[in-house]
Amino acid sequence: MKEKSKNFASKIVIAVLIWAAVLFVLILYVISCLRKFDGRLSQHNQLRAIRIGLEFFSNVNNHYPPSGGLDPTGQPYCGAMKLSEALIGKDLLGFHPDSEFRADGLDTTGRQLYDPNTLRDRKELFLAYDNANAYRLFDIYGSGKTGPFNENNLVLCDVYKRKMGTGNRTGMPILYYKENTSNTEHDANNPDNPKNIYNYKDNHALLSLGVPWKPKKQHPLFLNPKIFYVMTRDWRDNTVSRPHQSDSFILISAGFDGLYGTADDICNFEWKYRE
């Protein structure tokens, strides 16, 4: 009789432990979902602040910042870096109205625009510092690991901070693409179509730097540029391929997983992931 009681008690203990383990897993899952939901809200708020900043920039300068992968001298200086310069300057002290969006910060006469002597000529920040989440490239990728770019270039990072290979906790750069209104197409079958309204190459060299916390891993958006045109297409119109934001700009956050070109990416428009 005692042996049966012991066996019964053991079964109860095992059952309780199993249910406790299941409950623990469920709690962790709920916490993870809440973190992702909260992160998405925060990220949408940041993109909204950046959008307002860009509209303010456009009102003052009569145009949005350029986003090409190169500067006017042919030096690598991508859309994400030009976005940062436009909204907060190359030194966090404001945009200089004489900027040519050069990687070296010079104007056409060779004058350095971003030094303490030019502060009186600067514009106020178009984006509040608290919303900028700005980091130098070396903070994200590491010194000597920033490819063709000057490692001191600033980028605006998303809200999903994680420990990078550098030991720093940062988000991933916000990608910025400006439209070309002289073009008329949005060709997912041929990303290199010269008539495309948006050019995936604006940030392609930045994507080539890979995933900072996983050496040798590449972003899906880098491996397959067609993803850019699929994810940014306005699928509400099935008669013709047109992009969202066809008359302004596109912003992309890598989302919770930190990878560009996956289902949890967050943009400045509503989109549904498609294979």
Protein backbone atom coordinates (compact mmCIF):
# COMPACT_ATOMS: atom_id res chain seq x y z
CA MET A 1 0.00 0.00 0.00
CA LYS A 2 2.84 2.34 0.90
CA GLU A 3 4.58 1.52 -2.40
CA LYS A 4 1.45 2.47 -4.35
CA SER A 5 1.21 5.74 -2.41
CA LYS A 6 4.84 6.56 -3.22
CA ASN A 7 4.29 5.81 -6.91
CA PHE A 8 1.19 7.98 -6.96
CA ALA A 9 2.99 10.83 -5.21
CA SER A 10 5.89 10.54 -7.67
CA LYS A 11 3.51 10.75 -10.61
CA ILE A 12 1.92 13.87 -9.11
CA VAL A 13 5.34 15.48 -8.66
CA ILE A 14 6.33 14.64 -12.24
CA ALA A 15 3.04 15.99 -13.58
CA VAL A 16 3.47 19.22 -11.60
CA LEU A 17 7.03 19.61 -12.88
CA ILE A 18 5.91 19.05 -16.46
CA TRP A 19 3.13 21.61 -16.18
CA ALA A 20 5.51 24.04 -14.49
CA ALA A 21 7.96 23.62 -17.37
CA VAL A 22 5.20 24.13 -19.93
CA LEU A 23 3.99 27.24 -18.07
CA PHE A 24 7.55 28.57 -17.92
CA VAL A 25 7.97 28.11 -21.68
CA LEU A 26 4.63 29.83 -22.31
CA ILE A 27 5.63 32.76 -20.09
CA LEU A 28 8.92 33.12 -21.99
CA TYR A 29 7.01 33.01 -25.29
CA VAL A 30 4.56 35.69 -24.14
CA ILE A 31 7.42 37.90 -22.91
CA SER A 32 9.19 37.46 -26.26
CA CYS A 33 6.01 38.40 -28.15
CA LEU A 34 5.48 41.45 -25.96
CA ARG A 35 9.10 42.54 -26.51
CA LYS A 36 8.68 42.21 -30.27
CA PHE A 37 5.36 44.10 -30.19
CA ASP A 38 6.83 46.87 -28.07
CA GLY A 39 9.86 46.99 -30.35
CA ARG A 40 7.69 47.35 -33.44
CA LEU A 41 5.78 50.25 -31.86
CA SER A 42 9.04 51.96 -30.91
CA GLN A 43 10.47 51.37 -34.38
CA HIS A 44 7.41 52.75 -36.12
CA ASN A 45 7.64 55.82 -33.88
CA GLN A 46 11.30 56.31 -34.80
CA LEU A 47 10.58 55.99 -38.53
CA ARG A 48 7.75 58.48 -38.11
CA ALA A 49 10.14 60.94 -36.45
CA ILE A 50 12.66 60.44 -39.27
CA ARG A 51 9.91 60.98 -41.86
CA ILE A 52 8.89 64.25 -40.19
CA GLY A 53 12.55 65.29 -40.10
CA LEU A 54 12.93 64.59 -43.81
CA GLU A 55 9.81 66.58 -44.62
CA PHE A 56 11.20 69.47 -42.55
CA PHE A 57 14.51 69.16 -44.42
CA SER A 58 12.64 69.23 -47.73
CA ASN A 59 10.65 72.31 -46.75
CA VAL A 60 13.86 74.18 -45.87
CA ASN A 61 16.02 72.96 -48.77
CA ASN A 62 13.36 72.35 -51.46
CA HIS A 63 14.44 68.73 -51.92
CA TYR A 64 14.97 65.49 -50.05
CA PRO A 65 18.56 64.40 -49.36
CA PRO A 66 20.13 62.28 -52.14
CA SER A 67 20.62 58.57 -51.46
CA GLY A 68 23.03 57.31 -54.13
CA GLY A 69 25.74 54.86 -53.15
CA LEU A 70 28.51 57.29 -54.16
CA ASP A 71 29.17 60.95 -53.42
CA PRO A 72 29.70 63.56 -56.20
CA THR A 73 33.42 62.73 -56.31
CA GLY A 74 32.80 59.00 -56.76
CA GLN A 75 33.66 58.03 -53.19
CA PRO A 76 31.48 55.46 -51.37
CA TYR A 77 28.92 57.31 -49.26
CA CYS A 78 25.60 55.49 -49.14
CA GLY A 79 21.98 56.44 -48.53
CA ALA A 80 22.04 55.61 -44.81
CA MET A 81 25.00 57.97 -44.30
CA LYS A 82 23.44 60.78 -46.31
CA LEU A 83 20.26 60.40 -44.26
CA SER A 84 22.26 60.85 -41.08
CA GLU A 85 24.14 63.89 -42.40
CA ALA A 86 20.93 65.57 -43.54
CA LEU A 87 19.15 65.18 -40.21
CA ILE A 88 21.93 65.64 -37.65
CA GLY A 89 25.11 66.61 -39.57
CA LYS A 90 28.35 64.64 -39.83
CA ASP A 91 29.25 65.52 -36.24
CA LEU A 92 25.85 65.52 -34.48
CA LEU A 93 25.85 69.32 -34.50
CA GLY A 94 23.55 70.01 -37.42
CA PHE A 95 23.45 70.05 -41.21
CA HIS A 96 25.46 72.61 -43.17
CA PRO A 97 23.39 74.15 -46.02
CA ASP A 98 26.44 74.22 -48.33
CA SER A 99 26.85 70.47 -48.12
CA GLU A 100 27.40 68.53 -51.33
CA PHE A 101 26.90 65.27 -49.39
CA ARG A 102 30.54 64.33 -49.80
CA ALA A 103 32.11 61.58 -47.73
CA ASP A 104 34.93 63.92 -46.69
CA GLY A 105 32.56 66.71 -45.61
CA LEU A 106 34.09 69.29 -47.97
CA ASP A 107 32.27 71.73 -50.21
CA THR A 108 33.17 72.41 -53.85
CA THR A 109 35.94 74.83 -52.82
CA GLY A 110 37.62 72.34 -50.52
CA ARG A 111 36.36 73.99 -47.33
CA GLN A 112 35.63 71.67 -44.39
CA LEU A 113 31.99 72.24 -43.51
CA TYR A 114 31.82 70.22 -40.33
CA ASP A 115 34.13 71.82 -37.79
CA PRO A 116 33.51 74.15 -34.80
CA ASN A 117 34.08 77.25 -36.93
CA THR A 118 30.93 76.63 -38.98
CA LEU A 119 28.42 76.19 -36.17
CA ARG A 120 26.77 79.57 -36.79
CA ASP A 121 26.02 78.50 -40.38
CA ARG A 122 24.47 75.18 -39.45
CA LYS A 123 20.81 74.32 -39.44
CA GLU A 124 19.18 73.12 -36.26
CA LEU A 125 18.86 69.35 -36.01
CA PHE A 126 16.04 68.10 -38.23
CA LEU A 127 15.75 65.07 -35.94
CA ALA A 128 15.82 65.19 -32.14
CA TYR A 129 18.98 63.62 -30.75
CA ASP A 130 16.96 61.16 -28.64
CA ASN A 131 15.32 59.80 -31.81
CA ALA A 132 18.52 59.70 -33.87
CA ASN A 133 20.13 56.66 -32.21
CA ALA A 134 23.29 57.59 -34.12
CA TYR A 135 26.49 55.53 -34.11
CA ARG A 136 29.77 55.54 -36.00
CA LEU A 137 30.33 52.63 -38.36
CA PHE A 138 33.20 51.32 -36.24
CA ASP A 139 30.80 51.07 -33.26
CA ILE A 140 28.71 48.60 -35.27
CA TYR A 141 31.15 46.70 -37.48
CA GLY A 142 34.49 47.28 -35.79
CA SER A 143 37.56 49.29 -36.69
CA GLY A 144 39.07 48.21 -40.00
CA LYS A 145 35.91 46.26 -40.90
CA THR A 146 33.85 48.93 -42.64
CA GLY A 147 34.77 48.04 -46.22
CA PRO A 148 35.00 51.02 -48.58
CA PHE A 149 33.54 53.44 -46.04
CA ASN A 150 35.21 55.79 -43.59
CA GLU A 151 34.68 54.09 -40.25
CA ASN A 152 33.85 57.44 -38.62
CA ASN A 153 30.74 57.97 -40.76
CA LEU A 154 27.55 58.25 -38.74
CA VAL A 155 24.37 56.27 -39.40
CA LEU A 156 20.99 56.32 -37.71
CA CYS A 157 20.34 52.93 -36.12
CA ASP A 158 17.04 51.23 -35.36
CA VAL A 159 15.75 50.51 -31.84
CA TYR A 160 16.72 46.83 -31.77
CA LYS A 161 19.96 47.04 -29.85
CA ARG A 162 22.10 43.94 -29.50
CA LYS A 163 25.69 43.18 -28.61
CA MET A 164 27.80 43.46 -31.73
CA GLY A 165 31.14 41.84 -32.40
CA THR A 166 32.68 45.12 -31.23
CA GLY A 167 31.19 44.61 -27.77
CA ASN A 168 28.95 47.66 -28.26
CA ARG A 169 25.18 47.45 -28.05
CA THR A 170 23.69 49.15 -31.09
CA GLY A 171 20.88 48.74 -33.57
CA MET A 172 21.33 48.22 -37.31
CA PRO A 173 21.49 51.19 -39.71
CA ILE A 174 18.24 52.60 -41.07
CA LEU A 175 18.38 52.26 -44.86
CA TYR A 176 17.30 55.29 -46.90
CA TYR A 177 16.33 55.34 -50.59
CA LYS A 178 15.21 58.45 -52.45
CA GLU A 179 12.99 58.16 -55.52
CA ASN A 180 14.04 59.21 -59.01
CA THR A 181 10.95 60.85 -60.47
CA SER A 182 12.41 60.85 -63.97
CA ASN A 183 12.06 57.05 -63.99
CA THR A 184 8.83 55.12 -64.32
CA GLU A 185 9.40 51.44 -63.51
CA HIS A 186 9.63 49.08 -60.55
CA ASP A 187 11.08 45.94 -62.07
CA ALA A 188 11.54 43.02 -59.65
CA ASN A 189 12.61 40.74 -62.49
CA ASN A 190 15.51 43.05 -63.33
CA PRO A 191 16.80 44.97 -60.28
CA ASP A 192 19.39 46.62 -62.54
CA ASN A 193 16.77 48.13 -64.83
CA PRO A 194 18.02 51.73 -65.31
CA LYS A 195 14.40 52.95 -65.42
CA ASN A 196 13.60 51.80 -61.88
CA ILE A 197 12.23 54.56 -59.66
CA TYR A 198 14.28 53.25 -56.73
CA ASN A 199 17.84 51.93 -56.91
CA TYR A 200 18.74 49.05 -54.59
CA LYS A 201 22.42 49.95 -55.01
CA ASP A 202 21.95 53.03 -52.82
CA ASN A 203 22.79 50.91 -49.75
CA HIS A 204 24.14 47.71 -51.31
CA ALA A 205 27.76 48.33 -50.28
CA LEU A 206 26.63 48.83 -46.68
CA LEU A 207 24.74 45.53 -46.76
CA SER A 208 27.91 43.86 -48.06
CA LEU A 209 29.49 44.42 -44.64
CA GLY A 210 27.36 41.53 -43.43
CA VAL A 211 25.92 40.74 -40.02
CA PRO A 212 28.11 42.25 -37.28
CA TRP A 213 27.47 39.56 -34.66
CA LYS A 214 27.67 36.62 -37.10
CA PRO A 215 30.88 36.66 -39.15
CA LYS A 216 30.47 35.50 -42.76
CA LYS A 217 26.65 35.70 -42.62
CA GLN A 218 25.05 37.90 -45.28
CA HIS A 219 21.72 39.70 -45.40
CA PRO A 220 19.06 38.19 -47.71
CA LEU A 221 18.55 41.66 -49.21
CA PHE A 222 22.23 41.72 -50.22
CA LEU A 223 22.22 38.19 -51.65
CA ASN A 224 19.05 38.78 -53.67
CA PRO A 225 18.30 42.42 -54.63
CA LYS A 226 14.97 41.31 -56.13
CA ILE A 227 13.68 41.18 -52.55
CA PHE A 228 13.91 44.97 -52.39
CA TYR A 229 11.54 45.41 -55.33
CA VAL A 230 9.11 42.75 -54.10
CA MET A 231 8.92 44.14 -50.56
CA THR A 232 8.56 47.76 -51.67
CA ARG A 233 5.99 47.13 -54.41
CA ASP A 234 2.52 48.50 -53.80
CA TRP A 235 0.51 45.30 -54.23
CA ARG A 236 -2.80 47.12 -53.90
CA ASP A 237 -2.56 47.67 -57.66
CA ASN A 238 -2.04 44.38 -59.48
CA THR A 239 -2.27 45.91 -62.95
CA VAL A 240 1.13 47.59 -62.88
CA SER A 241 4.24 47.31 -60.72
CA ARG A 242 4.63 50.52 -58.73
CA PRO A 243 6.53 51.17 -55.50
CA HIS A 244 5.19 52.52 -52.26
CA GLN A 245 6.27 56.12 -51.68
CA SER A 246 6.83 56.60 -55.42
CA ASP A 247 7.20 60.35 -55.01
CA SER A 248 9.36 60.56 -51.88
CA PHE A 249 11.56 58.04 -50.05
CA ILE A 250 11.74 54.60 -48.49
CA LEU A 251 13.07 53.78 -45.01
CA ILE A 252 13.88 50.22 -43.93
CA SER A 253 14.69 48.83 -40.49
CA ALA A 254 16.08 45.30 -40.29
CA GLY A 255 13.61 44.54 -37.50
CA PHE A 256 13.95 42.24 -34.49
CA ASP A 257 16.18 39.67 -36.22
CA GLY A 258 18.64 42.30 -37.47
CA LEU A 259 18.57 40.91 -41.01
CA TYR A 260 17.51 42.97 -44.00
CA GLY A 261 15.11 41.29 -46.40
CA THR A 262 13.15 39.12 -43.96
CA ALA A 263 9.53 39.07 -42.82
CA ASP A 264 10.05 41.25 -39.75
CA ASP A 265 11.59 44.21 -41.59
CA ILE A 266 9.84 47.50 -40.79
CA CYS A 267 9.33 50.24 -43.40
CA ASN A 268 7.74 53.68 -43.55
CA PHE A 269 4.67 52.12 -45.15
CA GLU A 270 2.50 49.08 -44.50
CA TRP A 271 3.67 46.01 -46.34
CA LYS A 272 3.14 42.25 -46.31
CA TYR A 273 6.08 39.88 -46.66
CA ARG A 274 6.10 37.90 -49.89
CA GLU A 275 8.49 35.16 -50.96
